[in-house]
C-alpha atoms as a PDB file:
ATOM      1  CA  MET A   1       0.000   0.000   0.000  1.00  0.00           C
ATOM      2  CA  LYS A   2       2.817   2.384   0.853  1.00  0.00           C
ATOM      3  CA  ARG A   3       4.704   1.740  -2.353  1.00  0.00           C
ATOM      4  CA  PRO A   4       1.920   2.958  -4.739  1.00  0.00           C
ATOM      5  CA  LEU A   5       1.514   6.099  -2.641  1.00  0.00           C
ATOM      6  CA  ILE A   6       5.239   6.741  -2.791  1.00  0.00           C
ATOM      7  CA  ILE A   7       5.177   6.308  -6.568  1.00  0.00           C
ATOM      8  CA  VAL A   8       2.218   8.696  -6.913  1.00  0.00           C
ATOM      9  CA  PHE A   9       3.850  11.359  -4.749  1.00  0.00           C
ATOM     10  CA  ALA A  10       7.153  10.917  -6.582  1.00  0.00           C
ATOM     11  CA  ALA A  11       5.366  11.374  -9.916  1.00  0.00           C
ATOM     12  CA  LEU A  12       3.556  14.478  -8.704  1.00  0.00           C
ATOM     13  CA  GLY A  13       6.831  15.874  -7.359  1.00  0.00           C
ATOM     14  CA  ALA A  14       8.561  15.223 -10.664  1.00  0.00           C
ATOM     15  CA  ILE A  15       5.770  16.956 -12.561  1.00  0.00           C
ATOM     16  CA  TRP A  16       5.890  19.944 -10.210  1.00  0.00           C
ATOM     17  CA  LEU A  17       9.664  20.293 -10.031  1.00  0.00           C
ATOM     18  CA  LEU A  18      10.620  19.280 -13.583  1.00  0.00           C
ATOM     19  CA  LEU A  19       7.768  19.209 -16.090  1.00  0.00           C
ATOM     20  CA  LEU A  20       5.866  22.380 -15.133  1.00  0.00           C
ATOM     21  CA  PRO A  21       8.979  24.614 -15.177  1.00  0.00           C
ATOM     22  CA  LEU A  22       9.776  23.240 -18.635  1.00  0.00           C
ATOM     23  CA  LEU A  23       6.261  23.996 -19.891  1.00  0.00           C
ATOM     24  CA  VAL A  24       6.414  27.553 -18.509  1.00  0.00           C
ATOM     25  CA  GLY A  25       9.813  28.026 -20.155  1.00  0.00           C
ATOM     26  CA  LEU A  26       8.463  26.811 -23.502  1.00  0.00           C
ATOM     27  CA  TYR A  27       5.535  29.225 -23.215  1.00  0.00           C
ATOM     28  CA  LEU A  28       7.853  32.157 -22.470  1.00  0.00           C
ATOM     29  CA  ARG A  29      10.070  31.201 -25.409  1.00  0.00           C
ATOM     30  CA  GLY A  30       7.232  32.123 -27.773  1.00  0.00           C
ATOM     31  CA  ALA A  31       5.392  34.759 -25.736  1.00  0.00           C
ATOM     32  CA  VAL A  32       8.221  37.115 -24.736  1.00  0.00           C
ATOM     33  CA  PRO A  33       9.479  37.914 -28.288  1.00  0.00           C
ATOM     34  CA  GLU A  34       5.877  38.552 -29.345  1.00  0.00           C
ATOM     35  CA  TRP A  35       5.364  40.766 -26.285  1.00  0.00           C
ATOM     36  CA  THR A  36       8.520  42.848 -26.793  1.00  0.00           C
ATOM     37  CA  ALA A  37       7.832  43.221 -30.537  1.00  0.00           C
ATOM     38  CA  ASN A  38       5.234  45.893 -29.677  1.00  0.00           C
ATOM     39  CA  TRP A  39       7.741  47.942 -27.665  1.00  0.00           C
ATOM     40  CA  PRO A  40       9.681  50.877 -29.190  1.00  0.00           C
ATOM     41  CA  ASP A  41      12.742  49.975 -31.233  1.00  0.00           C
ATOM     42  CA  ALA A  42      15.461  48.709 -28.906  1.00  0.00           C
ATOM     43  CA  GLU A  43      19.159  49.527 -29.048  1.00  0.00           C
ATOM     44  CA  ALA A  44      19.869  46.190 -27.387  1.00  0.00           C
ATOM     45  CA  ALA A  45      17.630  43.265 -26.475  1.00  0.00           C
ATOM     46  CA  GLN A  46      18.474  39.766 -25.306  1.00  0.00           C
ATOM     47  CA  PHE A  47      16.132  37.038 -24.132  1.00  0.00           C
ATOM     48  CA  ASP A  48      17.618  33.851 -22.692  1.00  0.00           C
ATOM     49  CA  PRO A  49      14.939  31.185 -22.132  1.00  0.00           C
ATOM     50  CA  GLY A  50      15.749  28.221 -19.931  1.00  0.00           C
ATOM     51  CA  TRP A  51      14.232  25.249 -18.161  1.00  0.00           C
ATOM     52  CA  PHE A  52      13.999  26.674 -14.644  1.00  0.00           C
ATOM     53  CA  HIS A  53      14.954  30.306 -15.262  1.00  0.00           C
ATOM     54  CA  SER A  54      14.647  32.857 -18.048  1.00  0.00           C
ATOM     55  CA  SER A  55      16.157  36.337 -18.328  1.00  0.00           C
ATOM     56  CA  LEU A  56      15.483  39.440 -20.382  1.00  0.00           C
ATOM     57  CA  THR A  57      17.606  42.558 -20.882  1.00  0.00           C
ATOM     58  CA  TRP A  58      16.291  45.413 -22.995  1.00  0.00           C
ATOM     59  CA  SER A  59      17.530  48.950 -23.683  1.00  0.00           C
ATOM     60  CA  SER A  60      16.016  51.784 -25.719  1.00  0.00           C
ATOM     61  CA  ALA A  61      17.494  54.883 -27.312  1.00  0.00           C
ATOM     62  CA  ASP A  62      15.676  57.171 -24.850  1.00  0.00           C
ATOM     63  CA  GLY A  63      17.533  55.793 -21.826  1.00  0.00           C
ATOM     64  CA  ILE A  64      15.246  53.010 -20.580  1.00  0.00           C
ATOM     65  CA  ASP A  65      17.103  49.875 -19.422  1.00  0.00           C
ATOM     66  CA  LEU A  66      15.296  46.774 -18.240  1.00  0.00           C
ATOM     67  CA  ALA A  67      16.869  43.708 -16.629  1.00  0.00           C
ATOM     68  CA  LEU A  68      14.540  40.891 -15.517  1.00  0.00           C
ATOM     69  CA  ARG A  69      15.067  37.351 -14.271  1.00  0.00           C
ATOM     70  CA  ALA A  70      12.169  34.897 -13.993  1.00  0.00           C
ATOM     71  CA  ARG A  71      11.966  31.734 -11.883  1.00  0.00           C
ATOM     72  CA  HIS A  72       9.589  29.164 -13.370  1.00  0.00           C
ATOM     73  CA  VAL A  73       7.147  27.587 -10.888  1.00  0.00           C
ATOM     74  CA  PRO A  74       8.933  28.788  -7.737  1.00  0.00           C
ATOM     75  CA  PRO A  75       8.851  26.077  -5.042  1.00  0.00           C
ATOM     76  CA  LEU A  76       8.780  28.477  -2.058  1.00  0.00           C
ATOM     77  CA  ARG A  77       5.746  30.459  -3.236  1.00  0.00           C
ATOM     78  CA  ILE A  78       3.333  28.443  -5.314  1.00  0.00           C
ATOM     79  CA  GLY A  79       2.713  30.017  -8.695  1.00  0.00           C
ATOM     80  CA  LEU A  80       3.633  29.881 -12.363  1.00  0.00           C
ATOM     81  CA  LEU A  81       6.255  32.616 -12.364  1.00  0.00           C
ATOM     82  CA  ARG A  82       8.251  34.878 -10.071  1.00  0.00           C
ATOM     83  CA  VAL A  83       9.997  37.825 -11.711  1.00  0.00           C
ATOM     84  CA  GLU A  84      12.604  40.132 -10.189  1.00  0.00           C
ATOM     85  CA  GLY A  85      14.747  42.852 -11.680  1.00  0.00           C
ATOM     86  CA  THR A  86      15.488  46.532 -12.173  1.00  0.00           C
ATOM     87  CA  ILE A  87      14.425  49.286 -14.526  1.00  0.00           C
ATOM     88  CA  SER A  88      16.383  52.486 -15.178  1.00  0.00           C
ATOM     89  CA  SER A  89      15.040  55.565 -16.960  1.00  0.00           C
ATOM     90  CA  PRO A  90      15.707  59.318 -17.275  1.00  0.00           C
ATOM     91  CA  ILE A  91      13.271  59.975 -14.412  1.00  0.00           C
ATOM     92  CA  THR A  92      14.895  57.534 -11.955  1.00  0.00           C
ATOM     93  CA  PRO A  93      18.341  58.690 -10.753  1.00  0.00           C
ATOM     94  CA  GLU A  94      18.727  55.232  -9.200  1.00  0.00           C
ATOM     95  CA  PRO A  95      17.352  52.038 -10.786  1.00  0.00           C
ATOM     96  CA  ALA A  96      13.890  51.026  -9.603  1.00  0.00           C
ATOM     97  CA  ARG A  97      13.604  47.546  -8.118  1.00  0.00           C
ATOM     98  CA  ILE A  98      10.593  45.534  -9.242  1.00  0.00           C
ATOM     99  CA  ARG A  99       9.231  42.080  -8.572  1.00  0.00           C
ATOM    100  CA  SER A 100       6.147  40.248  -9.743  1.00  0.00           C
ATOM    101  CA  HIS A 101       4.326  36.985  -9.126  1.00  0.00           C
ATOM    102  CA  ILE A 102       1.809  35.140 -11.299  1.00  0.00           C
ATOM    103  CA  GLY A 103      -0.338  32.597  -9.450  1.00  0.00           C
ATOM    104  CA  LEU A 104      -1.718  29.279 -10.640  1.00  0.00           C
ATOM    105  CA  ALA A 105      -5.280  30.665 -10.835  1.00  0.00           C
ATOM    106  CA  GLY A 106      -4.280  33.653 -12.994  1.00  0.00           C
ATOM    107  CA  GLY A 107      -3.930  36.260 -10.253  1.00  0.00           C
ATOM    108  CA  TRP A 108      -0.850  38.468 -10.335  1.00  0.00           C
ATOM    109  CA  ASN A 109       0.854  41.361  -8.617  1.00  0.00           C
ATOM    110  CA  LEU A 110       3.612  43.839  -9.492  1.00  0.00           C
ATOM    111  CA  TYR A 111       5.615  45.581  -6.762  1.00  0.00           C
ATOM    112  CA  GLY A 112       8.085  48.416  -7.283  1.00  0.00           C
ATOM    113  CA  LEU A 113      10.400  50.421  -5.037  1.00  0.00           C
ATOM    114  CA  LEU A 114      12.040  53.688  -6.114  1.00  0.00           C
ATOM    115  CA  ALA A 115      14.423  55.713  -3.978  1.00  0.00           C
ATOM    116  CA  ARG A 116      13.633  58.804  -6.034  1.00  0.00           C
ATOM    117  CA  ILE A 117      11.701  59.781  -9.138  1.00  0.00           C
ATOM    118  CA  ARG A 118      12.326  63.117 -10.853  1.00  0.00           C
ATOM    119  CA  ASP A 119      10.470  64.935 -13.625  1.00  0.00           C
ATOM    120  CA  PRO A 120      13.073  66.393 -16.022  1.00  0.00           C
ATOM    121  CA  GLY A 121      10.546  68.941 -17.336  1.00  0.00           C
ATOM    122  CA  SER A 122       9.901  72.508 -16.297  1.00  0.00           C
ATOM    123  CA  LEU A 123       7.958  71.555 -13.170  1.00  0.00           C
ATOM    124  CA  ALA A 124      10.971  69.668 -11.748  1.00  0.00           C
ATOM    125  CA  LEU A 125       8.766  67.492  -9.559  1.00  0.00           C
ATOM    126  CA  GLU A 126      10.424  64.966  -7.276  1.00  0.00           C
ATOM    127  CA  ALA A 127       9.130  62.121  -5.138  1.00  0.00           C
ATOM    128  CA  SER A 128      11.261  60.178  -2.673  1.00  0.00           C
ATOM    129  CA  ASN A 129      10.960  56.678  -1.213  1.00  0.00           C
ATOM    130  CA  LEU A 130       8.122  55.774  -3.528  1.00  0.00           C
ATOM    131  CA  SER A 131       6.585  52.292  -3.615  1.00  0.00           C
ATOM    132  CA  PHE A 132       3.673  50.799  -5.510  1.00  0.00           C
ATOM    133  CA  ASN A 133       1.830  47.503  -5.519  1.00  0.00           C
ATOM    134  CA  LEU A 134      -0.444  46.740  -8.474  1.00  0.00           C
ATOM    135  CA  ALA A 135      -2.391  43.539  -7.860  1.00  0.00           C
ATOM    136  CA  SER A 136      -5.155  41.555  -9.535  1.00  0.00           C
ATOM    137  CA  PRO A 137      -5.991  38.517  -7.377  1.00  0.00           C
ATOM    138  CA  ALA A 138      -8.029  35.867  -9.177  1.00  0.00           C
ATOM    139  CA  GLY A 139     -11.658  36.979  -9.216  1.00  0.00           C
ATOM    140  CA  GLN A 140     -10.915  40.163  -7.255  1.00  0.00           C
ATOM    141  CA  PRO A 141     -10.776  43.875  -8.237  1.00  0.00           C
ATOM    142  CA  LEU A 142      -7.617  45.353  -9.705  1.00  0.00           C
ATOM    143  CA  THR A 143      -5.970  47.328  -6.884  1.00  0.00           C
ATOM    144  CA  LEU A 144      -3.212  49.947  -6.869  1.00  0.00           C
ATOM    145  CA  ASN A 145      -1.511  50.989  -3.636  1.00  0.00           C
ATOM    146  CA  LEU A 146       0.934  53.869  -4.117  1.00  0.00           C
ATOM    147  CA  GLN A 147       2.941  55.536  -1.353  1.00  0.00           C
ATOM    148  CA  ALA A 148       5.578  58.285  -1.307  1.00  0.00           C
ATOM    149  CA  GLU A 149       7.448  59.755   1.627  1.00  0.00           C
ATOM    150  CA  GLN A 150       7.726  63.223   0.062  1.00  0.00           C
ATOM    151  CA  ILE A 151       6.658  65.026  -3.094  1.00  0.00           C
ATOM    152  CA  GLY A 152       7.654  68.507  -4.175  1.00  0.00           C
ATOM    153  CA  GLN A 153       9.762  70.664  -6.485  1.00  0.00           C
ATOM    154  CA  GLY A 154      13.405  69.688  -6.227  1.00  0.00           C
ATOM    155  CA  ARG A 155      14.910  72.757  -7.909  1.00  0.00           C
ATOM    156  CA  ILE A 156      13.232  75.267  -5.615  1.00  0.00           C
ATOM    157  CA  ALA A 157      15.188  75.407  -2.357  1.00  0.00           C
ATOM    158  CA  ASP A 158      12.491  77.105  -0.267  1.00  0.00           C
ATOM    159  CA  ALA A 159       9.583  74.989  -1.569  1.00  0.00           C
ATOM    160  CA  ALA A 160       8.226  72.943   1.335  1.00  0.00           C
ATOM    161  CA  PRO A 161       7.665  69.315   0.243  1.00  0.00           C
ATOM    162  CA  LEU A 162       4.399  67.553   0.927  1.00  0.00           C
ATOM    163  CA  GLY A 163       4.098  64.072   2.324  1.00  0.00           C
ATOM    164  CA  PRO A 164       3.640  61.369   3.078  1.00  0.00           C
ATOM    165  CA  LEU A 165       1.260  60.603   0.213  1.00  0.00           C
ATOM    166  CA  GLN A 166      -0.883  57.482  -0.048  1.00  0.00           C
ATOM    167  CA  LEU A 167      -3.124  56.507  -2.952  1.00  0.00           C
ATOM    168  CA  LEU A 168      -5.407  53.478  -2.957  1.00  0.00           C
ATOM    169  CA  ALA A 169      -7.412  52.768  -6.115  1.00  0.00           C
ATOM    170  CA  ARG A 170      -9.697  49.837  -6.956  1.00  0.00           C
ATOM    171  CA  GLN A 171     -11.240  49.020 -10.319  1.00  0.00           C
ATOM    172  CA  HIS A 172     -13.712  46.252 -11.100  1.00  0.00           C
ATOM    173  CA  GLN A 173     -16.325  45.246 -13.673  1.00  0.00           C
ATOM    174  CA  ASP A 174     -19.965  44.561 -12.937  1.00  0.00           C
ATOM    175  CA  GLU A 175     -22.094  41.849 -14.519  1.00  0.00           C
ATOM    176  CA  ARG A 176     -22.722  44.084 -17.571  1.00  0.00           C
ATOM    177  CA  GLY A 177     -18.998  44.615 -18.131  1.00  0.00           C
ATOM    178  CA  ALA A 178     -19.116  48.276 -17.042  1.00  0.00           C
ATOM    179  CA  ARG A 179     -16.154  49.648 -15.082  1.00  0.00           C
ATOM    180  CA  HIS A 180     -16.284  51.043 -11.542  1.00  0.00           C
ATOM    181  CA  LEU A 181     -13.412  52.974  -9.967  1.00  0.00           C
ATOM    182  CA  GLY A 182     -12.827  53.929  -6.345  1.00  0.00           C
ATOM    183  CA  ILE A 183     -10.008  56.233  -5.233  1.00  0.00           C
ATOM    184  CA  ASN A 184      -8.802  57.226  -1.788  1.00  0.00           C
ATOM    185  CA  LEU A 185      -6.015  59.824  -1.652  1.00  0.00           C
ATOM    186  CA  THR A 186      -4.339  61.113   1.500  1.00  0.00           C
ATOM    187  CA  LEU A 187      -1.714  63.863   1.479  1.00  0.00           C
ATOM    188  CA  ALA A 188      -0.076  65.310   4.573  1.00  0.00           C
ATOM    189  CA  SER A 189       1.608  68.667   5.127  1.00  0.00           C
ATOM    190  CA  ALA A 190       3.810  69.588   8.088  1.00  0.00           C
ATOM    191  CA  GLY A 191       2.090  72.967   8.438  1.00  0.00           C
ATOM    192  CA  LEU A 192      -1.437  72.279   7.185  1.00  0.00           C
ATOM    193  CA  GLY A 193      -2.341  68.859   8.510  1.00  0.00           C
ATOM    194  CA  GLU A 194      -3.935  66.293   6.228  1.00  0.00           C
ATOM    195  CA  ALA A 195      -5.949  66.439   3.010  1.00  0.00           C
ATOM    196  CA  VAL A 196      -8.218  63.505   2.113  1.00  0.00           C
ATOM    197  CA  LEU A 197     -10.120  62.763  -1.090  1.00  0.00           C
ATOM    198  CA  THR A 198     -12.429  59.759  -1.453  1.00  0.00           C
ATOM    199  CA  LEU A 199     -13.918  59.418  -4.933  1.00  0.00           C
ATOM    200  CA  SER A 200     -16.053  56.844  -6.740  1.00  0.00           C
ATOM    201  CA  ILE A 201     -16.879  56.745 -10.453  1.00  0.00           C
ATOM    202  CA  GLY A 202     -19.140  54.361 -12.352  1.00  0.00           C
ATOM    203  CA  PRO A 203     -20.637  52.600 -14.109  1.00  0.00           C
ATOM    204  CA  ALA A 204     -18.613  53.356 -17.254  1.00  0.00           C
ATOM    205  CA  GLU A 205     -18.797  51.313 -20.443  1.00  0.00           C
ATOM    206  CA  ALA A 206     -15.293  50.239 -21.456  1.00  0.00           C
ATOM    207  CA  GLU A 207     -15.514  51.409 -25.094  1.00  0.00           C
ATOM    208  CA  ALA A 208     -16.944  54.825 -24.221  1.00  0.00           C
ATOM    209  CA  LEU A 209     -14.352  55.279 -21.474  1.00  0.00           C
ATOM    210  CA  ALA A 210     -11.507  54.416 -23.860  1.00  0.00           C
ATOM    211  CA  GLU A 211     -12.918  56.851 -26.433  1.00  0.00           C
ATOM    212  CA  LEU A 212     -13.133  59.586 -23.787  1.00  0.00           C
ATOM    213  CA  LEU A 213      -9.523  59.066 -22.687  1.00  0.00           C
ATOM    214  CA  ASP A 214      -8.245  58.946 -26.283  1.00  0.00           C
ATOM    215  CA  GLY A 215     -10.115  62.169 -27.062  1.00  0.00           C
ATOM    216  CA  LEU A 216      -8.696  63.938 -24.032  1.00  0.00           C
ATOM    217  CA  VAL A 217      -5.146  62.855 -24.922  1.00  0.00           C
ATOM    218  CA  GLN A 218      -5.630  64.022 -28.513  1.00  0.00           C
ATOM    219  CA  TRP A 219      -7.154  67.319 -27.350  1.00  0.00           C
ATOM    220  CA  ALA A 220      -4.277  67.985 -24.924  1.00  0.00           C
ATOM    221  CA  GLY A 221      -1.641  67.299 -27.581  1.00  0.00           C
ATOM    222  CA  SER A 222      -3.160  69.336 -30.439  1.00  0.00           C
ATOM    223  CA  GLU A 223      -2.679  72.975 -31.405  1.00  0.00           C
ATOM    224  CA  PRO A 224      -5.217  75.426 -29.913  1.00  0.00           C
ATOM    225  CA  ASP A 225      -8.208  76.141 -32.182  1.00  0.00           C
ATOM    226  CA  SER A 226      -6.947  73.624 -34.748  1.00  0.00           C
ATOM    227  CA  LEU A 227      -9.131  71.181 -36.674  1.00  0.00           C
ATOM    228  CA  THR A 228      -7.515  68.321 -34.745  1.00  0.00           C
ATOM    229  CA  GLN A 229      -8.498  69.904 -31.430  1.00  0.00           C
ATOM    230  CA  ARG A 230     -12.093  70.451 -32.598  1.00  0.00           C
ATOM    231  CA  LEU A 231     -12.412  66.831 -33.735  1.00  0.00           C
ATOM    232  CA  ALA A 232     -10.960  65.663 -30.423  1.00  0.00           C
ATOM    233  CA  LEU A 233     -13.491  67.805 -28.549  1.00  0.00           C
ATOM    234  CA  LEU A 234     -16.346  66.282 -30.571  1.00  0.00           C
ATOM    235  CA  SER A 235     -15.020  62.833 -29.692  1.00  0.00           C
ATOM    236  CA  VAL A 236     -14.911  63.746 -25.977  1.00  0.00           C
ATOM    237  CA  VAL A 237     -18.463  65.124 -26.059  1.00  0.00           C
ATOM    238  CA  GLY A 238     -19.778  62.036 -27.831  1.00  0.00           C
ATOM    239  CA  ALA A 239     -18.058  59.692 -25.383  1.00  0.00           C
ATOM    240  CA  TRP A 240     -19.363  61.686 -22.415  1.00  0.00           C
ATOM    241  CA  GLN A 241     -22.907  61.439 -23.763  1.00  0.00           C
ATOM    242  CA  GLN A 242     -22.528  57.658 -24.046  1.00  0.00           C
ATOM    243  CA  LEU A 243     -21.246  57.441 -20.470  1.00  0.00           C
ATOM    244  CA  ALA A 244     -24.107  59.614 -19.225  1.00  0.00           C
ATOM    245  CA  ALA A 245     -26.652  57.452 -21.035  1.00  0.00           C
ATOM    246  CA  GLY A 246     -25.112  54.418 -19.334  1.00  0.00           C
ATOM    247  CA  GLY A 247     -25.816  55.855 -15.872  1.00  0.00           C
ATOM    248  CA  LEU A 248     -22.424  57.318 -14.940  1.00  0.00           C
ATOM    249  CA  VAL A 249     -22.310  58.855 -11.450  1.00  0.00           C
ATOM    250  CA  ILE A 250     -19.325  60.704  -9.967  1.00  0.00           C
ATOM    251  CA  ARG A 251     -19.315  60.894  -6.167  1.00  0.00           C
ATOM    252  CA  VAL A 252     -16.946  62.842  -3.962  1.00  0.00           C
ATOM    253  CA  GLU A 253     -17.669  60.888  -0.824  1.00  0.00           C
ATOM    254  CA  ARG A 254     -15.252  63.004   1.177  1.00  0.00           C
ATOM    255  CA  LEU A 255     -13.019  65.998   0.523  1.00  0.00           C
ATOM    256  CA  ALA A 256     -11.289  67.255   3.653  1.00  0.00           C
ATOM    257  CA  LEU A 257      -8.660  70.007   3.818  1.00  0.00           C
ATOM    258  CA  GLY A 258      -7.347  70.245   7.344  1.00  0.00           C
ATOM    259  CA  GLU A 259      -9.738  70.468  10.290  1.00  0.00           C
ATOM    260  CA  HIS A 260     -12.460  72.863   9.089  1.00  0.00           C
ATOM    261  CA  THR A 261     -13.103  72.168   5.396  1.00  0.00           C
ATOM    262  CA  GLN A 262     -15.359  69.188   4.644  1.00  0.00           C
ATOM    263  CA  VAL A 263     -17.164  68.742   1.301  1.00  0.00           C
ATOM    264  CA  THR A 264     -19.211  65.976  -0.338  1.00  0.00           C
ATOM    265  CA  ALA A 265     -20.630  65.988  -3.868  1.00  0.00           C
ATOM    266  CA  SER A 266     -22.589  63.831  -6.291  1.00  0.00           C
ATOM    267  CA  TRP A 267     -23.002  64.300 -10.029  1.00  0.00           C
ATOM    268  CA  VAL A 268     -25.347  62.127 -12.061  1.00  0.00           C
ATOM    269  CA  ALA A 269     -23.915  62.708 -15.535  1.00  0.00           C
ATOM    270  CA  GLN A 270     -27.370  62.859 -17.141  1.00  0.00           C
ATOM    271  CA  ARG A 271     -28.215  65.906 -15.015  1.00  0.00           C
ATOM    272  CA  PRO A 272     -26.914  69.389 -15.864  1.00  0.00           C
ATOM    273  CA  GLN A 273     -25.213  70.097 -12.538  1.00  0.00           C
ATOM    274  CA  PRO A 274     -23.819  68.330  -9.473  1.00  0.00           C
ATOM    275  CA  ARG A 275     -25.118  68.508  -5.922  1.00  0.00           C
ATOM    276  CA  ILE A 276     -22.518  69.777  -3.442  1.00  0.00           C
ATOM    277  CA  GLU A 277     -22.736  69.989   0.339  1.00  0.00           C
ATOM    278  CA  GLY A 278     -20.276  71.066   2.991  1.00  0.00           C
ATOM    279  CA  GLN A 279     -18.490  74.033   4.469  1.00  0.00           C
ATOM    280  CA  GLY A 280     -14.991  75.274   5.094  1.00  0.00           C
ATOM    281  CA  HIS A 281     -12.514  77.965   6.025  1.00  0.00           C
ATOM    282  CA  ILE A 282     -11.390  80.304   3.223  1.00  0.00           C
ATOM    283  CA  GLY A 283      -7.851  80.631   4.575  1.00  0.00           C
ATOM    284  CA  GLU A 284      -7.515  76.839   4.828  1.00  0.00           C
ATOM    285  CA  VAL A 285      -8.495  76.389   1.177  1.00  0.00           C
ATOM    286  CA  ALA A 286      -6.090  79.171   0.119  1.00  0.00           C
ATOM    287  CA  ASP A 287      -3.196  77.595   2.051  1.00  0.00           C
ATOM    288  CA  TRP A 288      -3.786  74.189   0.480  1.00  0.00           C
ATOM    289  CA  TYR A 289      -4.063  75.776  -2.961  1.00  0.00           C
ATOM    290  CA  ALA A 290      -0.705  77.513  -2.411  1.00  0.00           C
ATOM    291  CA  ALA A 291       0.862  74.199  -1.372  1.00  0.00           C
ATOM    292  CA  ILE A 292      -0.481  72.136  -4.282  1.00  0.00           C
ATOM    293  CA  ALA A 293      -0.429  74.755  -7.093  1.00  0.00           C
ATOM    294  CA  PRO A 294       3.333  74.435  -7.822  1.00  0.00           C
ATOM    295  CA  LEU A 295       2.880  70.701  -8.432  1.00  0.00           C
ATOM    296  CA  THR A 296       0.580  71.549 -11.354  1.00  0.00           C
ATOM    297  CA  GLY A 297       2.627  74.454 -12.692  1.00  0.00           C
ATOM    298  CA  GLN A 298       0.357  77.140 -11.223  1.00  0.00           C
ATOM    299  CA  ASP A 299       1.461  80.300  -9.409  1.00  0.00           C
ATOM    300  CA  ALA A 300       1.121  80.001  -5.636  1.00  0.00           C
ATOM    301  CA  ASP A 301       1.674  83.725  -4.893  1.00  0.00           C
ATOM    302  CA  GLN A 302      -1.908  84.650  -5.756  1.00  0.00           C
ATOM    303  CA  ALA A 303      -3.493  81.711  -3.939  1.00  0.00           C
ATOM    304  CA  GLU A 304      -5.585  83.812  -1.557  1.00  0.00           C
ATOM    305  CA  LEU A 305      -6.885  86.130  -4.298  1.00  0.00           C
ATOM    306  CA  ILE A 306      -7.688  83.212  -6.619  1.00  0.00           C
ATOM    307  CA  THR A 307      -9.507  81.314  -3.843  1.00  0.00           C
ATOM    308  CA  GLU A 308     -11.583  84.365  -2.902  1.00  0.00           C
ATOM    309  CA  ALA A 309     -12.429  84.970  -6.584  1.00  0.00           C
ATOM    310  CA  TRP A 310     -13.619  81.349  -6.972  1.00  0.00           C
ATOM    311  CA  LEU A 311     -15.820  81.538  -3.903  1.00  0.00           C
ATOM    312  CA  LEU A 312     -17.209  84.950  -4.874  1.00  0.00           C
ATOM    313  CA  ALA A 313     -18.168  83.604  -8.306  1.00  0.00           C
ATOM    314  CA  LEU A 314     -19.878  80.609  -6.671  1.00  0.00           C
ATOM    315  CA  ALA A 315     -21.698  82.931  -4.253  1.00  0.00           C
ATOM    316  CA  GLN A 316     -22.940  85.130  -7.112  1.00  0.00           C
ATOM    317  CA  ASN A 317     -24.353  82.033  -8.817  1.00  0.00           C
ATOM    318  CA  GLY A 318     -26.140  80.853  -5.686  1.00  0.00           C
ATOM    319  CA  TRP A 319     -23.859  77.908  -4.856  1.00  0.00           C
ATOM    320  CA  VAL A 320     -22.103  79.265  -1.770  1.00  0.00           C
ATOM    321  CA  ARG A 321     -23.010  81.385   1.252  1.00  0.00           C
ATOM    322  CA  LEU A 322     -20.108  83.505   2.549  1.00  0.00           C
ATOM    323  CA  ASP A 323     -19.850  84.391   6.228  1.00  0.00           C
ATOM    324  CA  GLY A 324     -16.646  86.203   7.124  1.00  0.00           C
ATOM    325  CA  GLU A 325     -13.782  83.689   6.930  1.00  0.00           C
ATOM    326  CA  TYR A 326     -16.131  80.753   6.332  1.00  0.00           C
ATOM    327  CA  PHE A 327     -18.252  79.464   3.459  1.00  0.00           C
ATOM    328  CA  GLU A 328     -21.057  76.935   3.080  1.00  0.00           C
ATOM    329  CA  PHE A 329     -22.263  75.191  -0.063  1.00  0.00           C
ATOM    330  CA  ILE A 330     -25.957  75.623  -0.846  1.00  0.00           C
ATOM    331  CA  SER A 331     -26.782  74.097  -4.212  1.00  0.00           C
ATOM    332  CA  PRO A 332     -29.505  75.929  -6.182  1.00  0.00           C
ATOM    333  CA  THR A 333     -31.934  73.025  -5.669  1.00  0.00           C
ATOM    334  CA  ALA A 334     -31.313  72.954  -1.924  1.00  0.00           C
ATOM    335  CA  SER A 335     -31.678  76.733  -1.576  1.00  0.00           C
ATOM    336  CA  GLY A 336     -34.946  76.653  -3.502  1.00  0.00           C
ATOM    337  CA  ASP A 337     -36.275  73.957  -1.179  1.00  0.00           C
ATOM    338  CA  ARG A 338     -35.424  76.058   1.846  1.00  0.00           C
ATOM    339  CA  VAL A 339     -37.190  79.129   0.517  1.00  0.00           C
ATOM    340  CA  GLN A 340     -40.269  77.065  -0.272  1.00  0.00           C
ATOM    341  CA  SER A 341     -40.351  75.400   3.153  1.00  0.00           C
ATOM    342  CA  SER A 342     -40.092  78.734   5.011  1.00  0.00           C
ATOM    343  CA  ALA A 343     -43.176  80.196   3.354  1.00  0.00           C
ATOM    344  CA  PRO A 344     -46.247  80.618   5.673  1.00  0.00           C
END
């Protein structure tokens, strides 16, 4: 009785330790060249498939260098593939370390760690000690967890960096195939406290969403008032109408700036305007605008004047009630209800 069991377990062990790694290696032998064929032209590329391990090195003319090593069917963590390596680029002064795992049921995750990331453009943005984990467990939503110790403008000596920053995003599909996205963003400031944004968007049909994003990219990259920009705008409008017809709702479940400013909002895309509730401190909003504006290329010197102008415009249109240093949102629908209910 023991001997047949030993033979069965020996066969299963041989399949796991010898045959499965070979099959994974054979799959990679055909899949990786096909995968990299869609990448930009490489200055150097080398793929070395093996029985238990495979490796890939790839370099492009614009300074991107990739070095990956894959372990087929790793015995210590059950799965089809474990990948580790580094990636260097013009925006990473030090190579980023990455690792990935593909499970037997099709789930996967990609983890990266960067000591520093720097934007070489005019904004000169920098983030330090940045990590991300992009995961899609089998049958579960796609999740992104991004963290950074600091973010700011590296070339400006007196610019106070913000941080830590934490972003958690989840995306899933419903039974109709429509996409739903949830985002939670937290950003801290040594002098201002903490800002929190919790946002949900959906449902969004995949084709209409892709058309909207393509139109926005085309619009942003085209010349002002050009035919290309007009066509891109028409594409964006058409995609937005499709999303609205599909029941798209955008919810700001929480927007908090420091201790006194709390706002919630809901916009059903089929309706002409959102519904906004909440209140806040004008100075608090101005201070946060001054802190964040440089990250988007905006001037922070006029933060207080710009904030007051925004709120004054909202007050003139019946959206906000101003009271000294404070403001309160009163959407036109809500204000109309109040007037009606106070009548004798």
